[in-house]
N, C-alpha and C. Protein backbone atom coordinates (compact mmCIF):
# COMPACT_ATOMS: atom_id res chain seq x y z
N UNK A 1 113.80 75.31 78.89
CA UNK A 1 112.84 76.26 78.35
C UNK A 1 113.52 77.12 77.28
N UNK A 2 112.94 77.13 76.11
CA UNK A 2 113.46 77.95 75.03
C UNK A 2 112.91 79.36 75.17
N UNK A 3 113.80 80.33 75.08
CA UNK A 3 113.39 81.73 75.18
C UNK A 3 113.49 82.39 73.83
N UNK A 4 112.52 83.24 73.54
CA UNK A 4 112.53 83.96 72.27
C UNK A 4 113.70 84.96 72.26
N UNK A 5 114.04 85.40 71.09
CA UNK A 5 115.08 86.41 70.94
C UNK A 5 114.70 87.69 71.70
N UNK A 6 113.43 88.04 71.64
CA UNK A 6 112.96 89.23 72.34
C UNK A 6 113.12 89.06 73.85
N UNK A 7 112.82 87.88 74.36
CA UNK A 7 112.99 87.62 75.80
C UNK A 7 114.46 87.75 76.19
N UNK A 8 115.34 87.25 75.37
CA UNK A 8 116.78 87.37 75.63
C UNK A 8 117.20 88.84 75.63
N UNK A 9 116.66 89.60 74.69
CA UNK A 9 116.95 91.04 74.59
C UNK A 9 116.49 91.77 75.85
N UNK A 10 115.23 91.53 76.27
CA UNK A 10 114.69 92.20 77.46
C UNK A 10 115.52 91.87 78.70
N UNK A 11 115.95 90.62 78.82
CA UNK A 11 116.75 90.21 79.97
C UNK A 11 118.10 90.92 79.96
N UNK A 12 118.75 90.91 78.81
CA UNK A 12 120.08 91.52 78.71
C UNK A 12 120.04 93.04 78.87
N UNK A 13 119.10 93.69 78.22
CA UNK A 13 119.05 95.14 78.21
C UNK A 13 118.41 95.75 79.44
N UNK A 14 117.32 95.11 79.93
CA UNK A 14 116.52 95.74 80.98
C UNK A 14 116.36 94.88 82.23
N UNK A 15 116.98 93.71 82.25
CA UNK A 15 116.86 92.76 83.36
C UNK A 15 115.39 92.42 83.65
N UNK A 16 114.62 92.26 82.58
CA UNK A 16 113.21 91.89 82.69
C UNK A 16 113.04 90.49 82.13
N UNK A 17 112.08 89.78 82.69
CA UNK A 17 111.78 88.42 82.28
C UNK A 17 110.54 88.40 81.41
N UNK A 18 110.46 87.42 80.52
CA UNK A 18 109.25 87.21 79.74
C UNK A 18 108.84 85.76 79.91
N UNK A 19 107.62 85.57 80.34
CA UNK A 19 107.01 84.25 80.44
C UNK A 19 106.13 84.11 79.20
N UNK A 20 106.42 83.09 78.38
CA UNK A 20 105.73 82.95 77.11
C UNK A 20 104.95 81.64 77.02
N UNK A 21 103.82 81.70 76.33
CA UNK A 21 103.05 80.50 76.01
C UNK A 21 102.73 80.55 74.51
N UNK A 22 101.99 79.59 74.06
CA UNK A 22 101.60 79.57 72.65
C UNK A 22 100.63 80.70 72.30
N UNK A 23 99.91 81.22 73.30
CA UNK A 23 98.87 82.21 73.01
C UNK A 23 99.07 83.55 73.73
N UNK A 24 100.15 83.68 74.46
CA UNK A 24 100.37 84.94 75.16
C UNK A 24 101.72 85.04 75.82
N UNK A 25 101.95 86.17 76.47
CA UNK A 25 103.19 86.38 77.21
C UNK A 25 102.97 87.40 78.31
N UNK A 26 103.87 87.41 79.26
CA UNK A 26 103.88 88.41 80.33
C UNK A 26 105.31 88.88 80.53
N UNK A 27 105.48 90.18 80.67
CA UNK A 27 106.79 90.77 80.96
C UNK A 27 106.75 91.20 82.43
N UNK A 28 107.77 90.82 83.18
CA UNK A 28 107.80 91.15 84.60
C UNK A 28 109.23 91.34 85.08
N UNK A 29 109.36 91.99 86.24
CA UNK A 29 110.67 92.15 86.84
C UNK A 29 110.53 92.24 88.35
N UNK A 30 111.63 92.01 89.03
CA UNK A 30 111.68 92.06 90.49
C UNK A 30 112.37 93.35 90.91
N UNK A 31 111.80 93.98 91.93
CA UNK A 31 112.41 95.19 92.48
C UNK A 31 112.08 95.25 93.96
N UNK A 32 113.10 95.44 94.77
CA UNK A 32 112.93 95.49 96.22
C UNK A 32 112.17 94.26 96.71
N UNK A 33 110.98 94.48 97.26
CA UNK A 33 110.23 93.36 97.84
C UNK A 33 108.97 93.01 97.04
N UNK A 34 108.97 93.30 95.74
CA UNK A 34 107.80 92.99 94.94
C UNK A 34 108.19 92.52 93.53
N UNK A 35 107.20 91.92 92.86
CA UNK A 35 107.33 91.60 91.45
C UNK A 35 106.34 92.50 90.72
N UNK A 36 106.80 93.12 89.65
CA UNK A 36 105.97 94.04 88.88
C UNK A 36 105.65 93.41 87.54
N UNK A 37 104.37 93.23 87.27
CA UNK A 37 103.96 92.74 85.95
C UNK A 37 103.80 93.96 85.06
N UNK A 38 104.70 94.08 84.11
CA UNK A 38 104.72 95.25 83.23
C UNK A 38 103.68 95.13 82.13
N UNK A 39 103.52 93.94 81.60
CA UNK A 39 102.61 93.72 80.47
C UNK A 39 102.16 92.28 80.45
N UNK A 40 100.90 92.08 80.09
CA UNK A 40 100.40 90.75 79.75
C UNK A 40 99.66 90.90 78.44
N UNK A 41 99.96 90.03 77.50
CA UNK A 41 99.28 90.02 76.22
C UNK A 41 98.80 88.61 75.93
N UNK A 42 97.53 88.50 75.56
CA UNK A 42 96.94 87.23 75.14
C UNK A 42 96.27 87.47 73.81
N UNK A 43 96.45 86.54 72.86
CA UNK A 43 95.82 86.70 71.55
C UNK A 43 94.32 86.91 71.71
N UNK A 44 93.78 87.76 70.87
CA UNK A 44 92.41 88.24 71.00
C UNK A 44 91.39 87.12 71.17
N UNK A 45 91.49 86.06 70.39
CA UNK A 45 90.49 85.00 70.44
C UNK A 45 90.54 84.18 71.74
N UNK A 46 91.57 84.37 72.56
CA UNK A 46 91.72 83.62 73.81
C UNK A 46 91.52 84.49 75.05
N UNK A 47 91.20 85.75 74.88
CA UNK A 47 91.14 86.68 76.01
C UNK A 47 90.02 86.40 77.00
N UNK A 48 88.99 85.72 76.61
CA UNK A 48 87.91 85.40 77.55
C UNK A 48 88.26 84.18 78.40
N UNK A 49 89.35 83.51 78.07
CA UNK A 49 89.80 82.35 78.83
C UNK A 49 90.59 82.77 80.06
N UNK A 50 91.37 81.88 80.58
CA UNK A 50 92.11 82.12 81.82
C UNK A 50 93.62 82.29 81.62
N UNK A 51 94.05 82.54 80.39
CA UNK A 51 95.48 82.59 80.12
C UNK A 51 96.18 83.71 80.88
N UNK A 52 95.59 84.90 80.95
CA UNK A 52 96.23 86.00 81.69
C UNK A 52 96.40 85.62 83.16
N UNK A 53 95.38 85.01 83.73
CA UNK A 53 95.48 84.56 85.13
C UNK A 53 96.51 83.46 85.29
N UNK A 54 96.57 82.56 84.33
CA UNK A 54 97.55 81.48 84.40
C UNK A 54 98.97 82.04 84.37
N UNK A 55 99.22 83.01 83.50
CA UNK A 55 100.54 83.65 83.43
C UNK A 55 100.86 84.37 84.74
N UNK A 56 99.90 85.12 85.27
CA UNK A 56 100.10 85.83 86.54
C UNK A 56 100.34 84.85 87.68
N UNK A 57 99.60 83.72 87.68
CA UNK A 57 99.80 82.70 88.71
C UNK A 57 101.22 82.14 88.66
N UNK A 58 101.72 81.92 87.46
CA UNK A 58 103.08 81.39 87.30
C UNK A 58 104.12 82.41 87.79
N UNK A 59 103.89 83.67 87.49
CA UNK A 59 104.79 84.72 87.98
C UNK A 59 104.74 84.77 89.51
N UNK A 60 103.55 84.67 90.09
CA UNK A 60 103.42 84.65 91.55
C UNK A 60 104.18 83.48 92.15
N UNK A 61 104.12 82.34 91.52
CA UNK A 61 104.84 81.15 92.00
C UNK A 61 106.35 81.40 91.98
N UNK A 62 106.84 81.98 90.90
CA UNK A 62 108.27 82.30 90.78
C UNK A 62 108.67 83.30 91.86
N UNK A 63 107.83 84.31 92.07
CA UNK A 63 108.11 85.34 93.09
C UNK A 63 108.16 84.73 94.48
N UNK A 64 107.21 83.88 94.80
CA UNK A 64 107.19 83.25 96.12
C UNK A 64 108.45 82.43 96.36
N UNK A 65 108.94 81.76 95.32
CA UNK A 65 110.18 80.99 95.45
C UNK A 65 111.36 81.88 95.77
N UNK A 66 111.26 83.16 95.42
CA UNK A 66 112.31 84.14 95.72
C UNK A 66 112.04 84.88 97.04
N UNK A 67 110.98 84.49 97.74
CA UNK A 67 110.64 85.12 99.00
C UNK A 67 109.88 86.43 98.86
N UNK A 68 109.31 86.66 97.71
CA UNK A 68 108.57 87.90 97.45
C UNK A 68 107.08 87.61 97.61
N UNK A 69 106.37 88.51 98.29
CA UNK A 69 104.95 88.26 98.54
C UNK A 69 104.03 89.40 98.10
N UNK A 70 104.54 90.29 97.27
CA UNK A 70 103.71 91.38 96.74
C UNK A 70 103.87 91.45 95.22
N UNK A 71 102.75 91.69 94.55
CA UNK A 71 102.73 91.82 93.11
C UNK A 71 102.15 93.19 92.77
N UNK A 72 102.77 93.89 91.85
CA UNK A 72 102.28 95.18 91.40
C UNK A 72 101.93 95.11 89.92
N UNK A 73 101.00 95.94 89.52
CA UNK A 73 100.62 96.08 88.13
C UNK A 73 100.11 97.49 87.91
N UNK A 74 99.89 97.85 86.66
CA UNK A 74 99.42 99.20 86.38
C UNK A 74 98.59 99.22 85.10
N UNK A 75 97.83 100.29 84.97
CA UNK A 75 97.04 100.55 83.77
C UNK A 75 97.24 102.01 83.39
N UNK A 76 97.45 102.25 82.13
CA UNK A 76 97.50 103.62 81.62
C UNK A 76 96.13 103.92 81.02
N UNK A 77 95.35 104.81 81.63
CA UNK A 77 94.00 105.09 81.12
C UNK A 77 93.96 105.54 79.67
N UNK A 78 95.03 106.15 79.17
CA UNK A 78 95.04 106.63 77.79
C UNK A 78 95.32 105.51 76.77
N UNK A 79 95.68 104.32 77.24
CA UNK A 79 96.00 103.21 76.33
C UNK A 79 94.73 102.56 75.79
N UNK A 80 94.83 102.05 74.59
CA UNK A 80 93.72 101.31 73.98
C UNK A 80 93.45 100.07 74.85
N UNK A 81 92.19 99.82 75.15
CA UNK A 81 91.83 98.64 75.93
C UNK A 81 92.03 98.79 77.42
N UNK A 82 92.23 100.02 77.90
CA UNK A 82 92.54 100.20 79.32
C UNK A 82 91.39 99.79 80.24
N UNK A 83 90.15 99.96 79.80
CA UNK A 83 89.02 99.54 80.64
C UNK A 83 89.05 98.04 80.85
N UNK A 84 89.32 97.28 79.80
CA UNK A 84 89.43 95.82 79.92
C UNK A 84 90.59 95.44 80.83
N UNK A 85 91.71 96.12 80.68
CA UNK A 85 92.86 95.83 81.53
C UNK A 85 92.54 96.09 83.00
N UNK A 86 91.84 97.16 83.25
CA UNK A 86 91.43 97.50 84.62
C UNK A 86 90.55 96.40 85.19
N UNK A 87 89.59 95.93 84.42
CA UNK A 87 88.70 94.85 84.87
C UNK A 87 89.48 93.58 85.18
N UNK A 88 90.46 93.26 84.35
CA UNK A 88 91.28 92.06 84.56
C UNK A 88 92.04 92.16 85.88
N UNK A 89 92.69 93.29 86.12
CA UNK A 89 93.44 93.46 87.36
C UNK A 89 92.55 93.35 88.60
N UNK A 90 91.42 94.01 88.56
CA UNK A 90 90.50 93.95 89.70
C UNK A 90 89.94 92.54 89.87
N UNK A 91 89.63 91.89 88.76
CA UNK A 91 89.11 90.53 88.81
C UNK A 91 90.12 89.54 89.35
N UNK A 92 91.38 89.82 89.17
CA UNK A 92 92.45 88.94 89.66
C UNK A 92 92.77 89.21 91.14
N UNK A 93 92.16 90.23 91.70
CA UNK A 93 92.35 90.50 93.12
C UNK A 93 93.27 91.65 93.46
N UNK A 94 93.72 92.39 92.47
CA UNK A 94 94.53 93.57 92.75
C UNK A 94 93.68 94.64 93.42
N UNK A 95 94.32 95.45 94.25
CA UNK A 95 93.68 96.58 94.92
C UNK A 95 94.38 97.86 94.47
N UNK A 96 93.65 98.94 94.45
CA UNK A 96 94.21 100.24 94.08
C UNK A 96 95.31 100.62 95.05
N UNK A 97 96.47 100.99 94.52
CA UNK A 97 97.59 101.42 95.35
C UNK A 97 97.80 102.93 95.25
N UNK A 98 97.85 103.45 94.01
CA UNK A 98 98.05 104.89 93.82
C UNK A 98 97.83 105.23 92.35
N UNK A 99 97.86 106.51 92.07
CA UNK A 99 97.80 106.96 90.68
C UNK A 99 98.76 108.14 90.53
N UNK A 100 99.23 108.30 89.32
CA UNK A 100 100.17 109.37 89.03
C UNK A 100 100.07 109.69 87.55
N UNK A 101 99.72 110.91 87.23
CA UNK A 101 99.56 111.35 85.85
C UNK A 101 98.72 110.36 85.06
N UNK A 102 99.28 109.66 84.07
CA UNK A 102 98.52 108.74 83.23
C UNK A 102 98.75 107.28 83.62
N UNK A 103 98.85 107.01 84.91
CA UNK A 103 99.05 105.63 85.36
C UNK A 103 98.30 105.39 86.67
N UNK A 104 97.65 104.24 86.72
CA UNK A 104 96.99 103.80 87.94
C UNK A 104 97.72 102.53 88.38
N UNK A 105 98.19 102.50 89.63
CA UNK A 105 98.98 101.39 90.13
C UNK A 105 98.13 100.53 91.08
N UNK A 106 98.36 99.23 90.99
CA UNK A 106 97.62 98.25 91.79
C UNK A 106 98.60 97.34 92.51
N UNK A 107 98.15 96.78 93.63
CA UNK A 107 98.99 95.87 94.43
C UNK A 107 98.16 94.67 94.84
N UNK A 108 98.84 93.56 95.03
CA UNK A 108 98.18 92.32 95.45
C UNK A 108 99.16 91.54 96.30
N UNK A 109 98.67 91.01 97.42
CA UNK A 109 99.46 90.09 98.21
C UNK A 109 99.42 88.73 97.54
N UNK A 110 100.56 88.06 97.48
CA UNK A 110 100.61 86.72 96.87
C UNK A 110 101.13 85.70 97.87
């Protein structure tokens, strides 16, 4: 698997992984007993498809191979597109975990 320069940078600097496709990417990392999806981006013309779910499914598969069975995600209400992001997380099966200042956290068993 060829990794972009940015993916190499994120891994070296922040110990974060990037899963990339031709139309999107997801940034994630492992901490304690969960995998945290920090960001998912899909090109605008493909957002109605299943690419975000496909990326999340692949991350869940990687996590399970490591013995991890919880996935976390978050939405910042002040961010552009936050309502759409919220709908995506809920549609994927995430449940509300907590909120703090400008962040809403979600959890999902995988």
